N, C-alpha and C. Protein backbone atom coordinates (compact mmCIF):
# COMPACT_ATOMS: atom_id res chain seq x y z
N UNK A 1 180.46 42.72 151.96
CA UNK A 1 181.52 42.68 150.99
C UNK A 1 181.36 43.85 150.02
N UNK A 2 182.46 44.50 149.78
CA UNK A 2 182.48 45.63 148.86
C UNK A 2 182.82 45.11 147.46
N UNK A 3 182.11 45.61 146.43
CA UNK A 3 182.37 45.21 145.06
C UNK A 3 182.76 46.43 144.24
N UNK A 4 183.92 46.35 143.59
CA UNK A 4 184.42 47.44 142.76
C UNK A 4 184.43 46.94 141.32
N UNK A 5 183.74 47.66 140.43
CA UNK A 5 183.70 47.27 139.02
C UNK A 5 184.40 48.34 138.20
N UNK A 6 185.37 47.91 137.39
CA UNK A 6 186.10 48.83 136.52
C UNK A 6 185.88 48.43 135.06
N UNK A 7 185.63 49.42 134.22
CA UNK A 7 185.46 49.18 132.78
C UNK A 7 186.28 50.23 132.03
N UNK A 8 187.60 50.00 131.87
CA UNK A 8 188.46 51.03 131.27
C UNK A 8 188.22 51.29 129.79
N UNK A 9 187.68 50.30 129.04
CA UNK A 9 187.56 50.46 127.59
C UNK A 9 186.20 50.97 127.13
N UNK A 10 185.23 51.04 128.03
CA UNK A 10 183.87 51.41 127.64
C UNK A 10 183.08 51.86 128.86
N UNK A 11 181.88 52.42 128.61
CA UNK A 11 180.98 52.79 129.70
C UNK A 11 179.94 51.69 129.84
N UNK A 12 179.92 51.04 131.00
CA UNK A 12 179.01 49.91 131.22
C UNK A 12 177.59 50.38 131.44
N UNK A 13 176.65 49.65 130.85
CA UNK A 13 175.22 49.91 131.06
C UNK A 13 174.84 49.46 132.48
N UNK A 14 173.85 50.11 133.09
CA UNK A 14 173.42 49.71 134.44
C UNK A 14 173.02 48.23 134.53
N UNK A 15 172.43 47.70 133.45
CA UNK A 15 172.02 46.28 133.45
C UNK A 15 173.24 45.37 133.64
N UNK A 16 174.36 45.73 133.00
CA UNK A 16 175.57 44.92 133.11
C UNK A 16 176.15 45.00 134.52
N UNK A 17 176.25 46.20 135.08
CA UNK A 17 176.80 46.33 136.43
C UNK A 17 175.90 45.65 137.47
N UNK A 18 174.59 45.72 137.26
CA UNK A 18 173.65 45.02 138.17
C UNK A 18 173.87 43.52 138.10
N UNK A 19 174.04 42.99 136.88
CA UNK A 19 174.27 41.55 136.71
C UNK A 19 175.56 41.13 137.40
N UNK A 20 176.62 41.90 137.19
CA UNK A 20 177.93 41.58 137.79
C UNK A 20 177.83 41.62 139.32
N UNK A 21 177.20 42.66 139.85
CA UNK A 21 177.03 42.76 141.30
C UNK A 21 176.27 41.55 141.85
N UNK A 22 175.19 41.18 141.18
CA UNK A 22 174.36 40.06 141.63
C UNK A 22 175.17 38.76 141.65
N UNK A 23 175.93 38.50 140.59
CA UNK A 23 176.74 37.27 140.52
C UNK A 23 177.84 37.25 141.57
N UNK A 24 178.56 38.36 141.69
CA UNK A 24 179.71 38.41 142.59
C UNK A 24 179.26 38.39 144.05
N UNK A 25 178.12 39.00 144.36
CA UNK A 25 177.59 38.98 145.73
C UNK A 25 177.38 37.56 146.24
N UNK A 26 177.06 36.63 145.34
CA UNK A 26 176.81 35.24 145.73
C UNK A 26 178.07 34.58 146.30
N UNK A 27 179.24 35.12 146.00
CA UNK A 27 180.48 34.55 146.55
C UNK A 27 180.52 34.70 148.07
N UNK A 28 179.83 35.71 148.59
CA UNK A 28 179.81 35.93 150.05
C UNK A 28 179.12 34.77 150.78
N UNK A 29 178.30 34.02 150.06
CA UNK A 29 177.64 32.86 150.67
C UNK A 29 178.64 31.76 150.99
N UNK A 30 179.77 31.75 150.29
CA UNK A 30 180.76 30.69 150.47
C UNK A 30 181.78 31.00 151.56
N UNK A 31 181.97 32.29 151.84
CA UNK A 31 182.89 32.67 152.93
C UNK A 31 182.53 34.06 153.44
N UNK A 32 182.50 34.19 154.78
CA UNK A 32 182.21 35.50 155.37
C UNK A 32 183.49 36.30 155.59
N UNK A 33 184.64 35.75 155.15
CA UNK A 33 185.91 36.45 155.34
C UNK A 33 186.30 37.30 154.13
N UNK A 34 185.48 37.31 153.09
CA UNK A 34 185.78 38.10 151.90
C UNK A 34 185.58 39.58 152.24
N UNK A 35 186.63 40.35 152.01
CA UNK A 35 186.57 41.79 152.29
C UNK A 35 185.98 42.55 151.10
N UNK A 36 186.54 42.27 149.91
CA UNK A 36 186.03 42.94 148.72
C UNK A 36 186.32 42.10 147.48
N UNK A 37 185.62 42.43 146.42
CA UNK A 37 185.85 41.81 145.12
C UNK A 37 186.07 42.93 144.11
N UNK A 38 187.12 42.77 143.32
CA UNK A 38 187.42 43.76 142.28
C UNK A 38 187.20 43.11 140.92
N UNK A 39 186.33 43.71 140.13
CA UNK A 39 185.97 43.16 138.83
C UNK A 39 186.48 44.10 137.75
N UNK A 40 187.22 43.55 136.79
CA UNK A 40 187.71 44.32 135.65
C UNK A 40 187.10 43.73 134.40
N UNK A 41 186.30 44.53 133.70
CA UNK A 41 185.69 44.10 132.44
C UNK A 41 186.43 44.82 131.32
N UNK A 42 186.98 44.02 130.38
CA UNK A 42 187.71 44.66 129.29
C UNK A 42 187.46 43.92 127.99
N UNK A 43 187.77 44.60 126.90
CA UNK A 43 187.56 44.06 125.57
C UNK A 43 188.91 43.73 124.96
N UNK A 44 189.07 42.47 124.52
CA UNK A 44 190.29 42.04 123.84
C UNK A 44 190.26 42.61 122.43
N UNK A 45 191.36 43.19 121.99
CA UNK A 45 191.40 43.84 120.69
C UNK A 45 191.75 42.85 119.57
N UNK A 46 191.10 41.69 119.57
CA UNK A 46 191.37 40.69 118.53
C UNK A 46 190.14 40.54 117.64
N UNK A 47 190.29 39.77 116.57
CA UNK A 47 189.17 39.52 115.66
C UNK A 47 188.27 38.41 116.18
N UNK A 48 188.69 37.77 117.25
CA UNK A 48 187.94 36.69 117.85
C UNK A 48 186.60 37.19 118.38
N UNK A 49 185.51 36.43 118.14
CA UNK A 49 184.20 36.85 118.64
C UNK A 49 184.12 36.77 120.15
N UNK A 50 184.92 35.88 120.74
CA UNK A 50 184.96 35.76 122.20
C UNK A 50 186.00 36.74 122.74
N UNK A 51 185.67 38.04 122.66
CA UNK A 51 186.65 39.06 123.01
C UNK A 51 186.30 39.84 124.28
N UNK A 52 185.33 39.35 125.06
CA UNK A 52 184.96 40.02 126.32
C UNK A 52 185.64 39.29 127.47
N UNK A 53 186.36 40.03 128.29
CA UNK A 53 187.13 39.43 129.38
C UNK A 53 186.62 39.96 130.72
N UNK A 54 186.43 39.05 131.65
CA UNK A 54 186.04 39.41 133.02
C UNK A 54 187.11 38.86 133.96
N UNK A 55 187.78 39.77 134.66
CA UNK A 55 188.78 39.38 135.65
C UNK A 55 188.25 39.75 137.02
N UNK A 56 188.26 38.79 137.94
CA UNK A 56 187.74 39.04 139.29
C UNK A 56 188.80 38.65 140.31
N UNK A 57 189.12 39.59 141.20
CA UNK A 57 190.03 39.33 142.31
C UNK A 57 189.22 39.43 143.60
N UNK A 58 189.25 38.35 144.38
CA UNK A 58 188.55 38.31 145.66
C UNK A 58 189.58 38.49 146.77
N UNK A 59 189.40 39.53 147.58
CA UNK A 59 190.35 39.85 148.64
C UNK A 59 189.91 39.19 149.94
N UNK A 60 190.75 38.26 150.40
CA UNK A 60 190.53 37.54 151.66
C UNK A 60 191.78 37.75 152.50
N UNK A 61 191.67 38.02 153.80
CA UNK A 61 192.86 38.26 154.61
C UNK A 61 193.90 37.13 154.44
N UNK A 62 195.10 37.52 154.04
CA UNK A 62 196.19 36.57 153.89
C UNK A 62 196.22 35.84 152.56
N UNK A 63 195.20 36.07 151.72
CA UNK A 63 195.14 35.31 150.47
C UNK A 63 194.14 35.95 149.51
N UNK A 64 194.60 36.33 148.32
CA UNK A 64 193.70 36.82 147.29
C UNK A 64 193.45 35.69 146.29
N UNK A 65 192.21 35.57 145.84
CA UNK A 65 191.87 34.60 144.81
C UNK A 65 191.59 35.35 143.53
N UNK A 66 191.91 34.74 142.38
CA UNK A 66 191.78 35.44 141.11
C UNK A 66 191.28 34.49 140.03
N UNK A 67 190.39 35.00 139.18
CA UNK A 67 189.94 34.23 138.02
C UNK A 67 189.74 35.20 136.86
N UNK A 68 190.13 34.75 135.67
CA UNK A 68 189.96 35.53 134.46
C UNK A 68 189.34 34.62 133.40
N UNK A 69 188.22 35.05 132.84
CA UNK A 69 187.55 34.25 131.81
C UNK A 69 187.19 35.13 130.62
N UNK A 70 187.17 34.49 129.44
CA UNK A 70 186.88 35.19 128.20
C UNK A 70 185.69 34.50 127.52
N UNK A 71 184.77 35.30 126.97
CA UNK A 71 183.58 34.74 126.32
C UNK A 71 183.02 35.76 125.32
N UNK A 72 181.87 35.39 124.71
CA UNK A 72 181.23 36.28 123.73
C UNK A 72 180.57 37.48 124.39
N UNK A 73 180.18 37.33 125.68
CA UNK A 73 179.53 38.44 126.39
C UNK A 73 180.18 38.59 127.77
N UNK A 74 180.05 39.78 128.32
CA UNK A 74 180.57 40.03 129.67
C UNK A 74 179.81 39.19 130.70
N UNK A 75 178.52 39.00 130.46
CA UNK A 75 177.71 38.21 131.39
C UNK A 75 178.23 36.77 131.47
N UNK A 76 178.49 36.17 130.29
CA UNK A 76 178.97 34.79 130.26
C UNK A 76 180.37 34.68 130.88
N UNK A 77 181.24 35.63 130.57
CA UNK A 77 182.60 35.62 131.13
C UNK A 77 182.56 35.78 132.64
N UNK A 78 181.69 36.67 133.14
CA UNK A 78 181.56 36.88 134.58
C UNK A 78 181.03 35.63 135.27
N UNK A 79 180.03 35.00 134.68
CA UNK A 79 179.46 33.78 135.27
C UNK A 79 180.52 32.68 135.36
N UNK A 80 181.33 32.53 134.31
CA UNK A 80 182.39 31.52 134.32
C UNK A 80 183.44 31.84 135.38
N UNK A 81 183.81 33.12 135.51
CA UNK A 81 184.81 33.52 136.50
C UNK A 81 184.29 33.30 137.92
N UNK A 82 183.02 33.61 138.16
CA UNK A 82 182.43 33.39 139.49
C UNK A 82 182.41 31.90 139.83
N UNK A 83 182.08 31.05 138.84
CA UNK A 83 182.09 29.60 139.07
C UNK A 83 183.50 29.13 139.44
N UNK A 84 184.51 29.64 138.74
CA UNK A 84 185.89 29.26 139.04
C UNK A 84 186.28 29.71 140.45
N UNK A 85 185.82 30.89 140.84
CA UNK A 85 186.14 31.40 142.18
C UNK A 85 185.42 30.61 143.27
N UNK A 86 184.22 30.14 143.00
CA UNK A 86 183.51 29.30 143.99
C UNK A 86 184.36 28.08 144.32
N UNK A 87 184.91 27.45 143.27
CA UNK A 87 185.76 26.27 143.48
C UNK A 87 187.02 26.64 144.26
N UNK A 88 187.62 27.79 143.93
CA UNK A 88 188.82 28.23 144.64
C UNK A 88 188.52 28.50 146.12
N UNK A 89 187.37 29.12 146.41
CA UNK A 89 187.00 29.41 147.80
C UNK A 89 186.80 28.11 148.56
N UNK A 90 186.13 27.13 147.94
CA UNK A 90 185.92 25.84 148.59
C UNK A 90 187.25 25.16 148.88
N UNK A 91 188.19 25.20 147.93
CA UNK A 91 189.52 24.62 148.15
C UNK A 91 190.25 25.35 149.26
N UNK A 92 190.14 26.68 149.26
CA UNK A 92 190.81 27.51 150.27
C UNK A 92 190.28 27.20 151.67
N UNK A 93 188.97 26.98 151.78
CA UNK A 93 188.37 26.67 153.09
C UNK A 93 188.82 25.32 153.61
N UNK A 94 189.06 24.36 152.70
CA UNK A 94 189.50 23.03 153.12
C UNK A 94 190.93 23.03 153.65
N UNK A 95 191.74 23.96 153.18
CA UNK A 95 193.16 23.99 153.60
C UNK A 95 193.37 24.75 154.88
């Protein structure tokens, strides 16, 4: 599975991209039909402390899955989005 990480608002540290890669790679354990995952990390321009957004699109033939989560850190937002996608993949496999 190919993983594409985009950070339009900032330059991501290697530790962050490594964390995102590690989390998103685990989705491949749930389905071998995943072609790629596209991760968009962005900062919400609000006064809210939970202003880090992680959007993940998982490309599966005939069906893309998507999750977007917001939290205080990119790591937390990414972990929440990956958990949501695990549930979506399990539902998709049942149908």
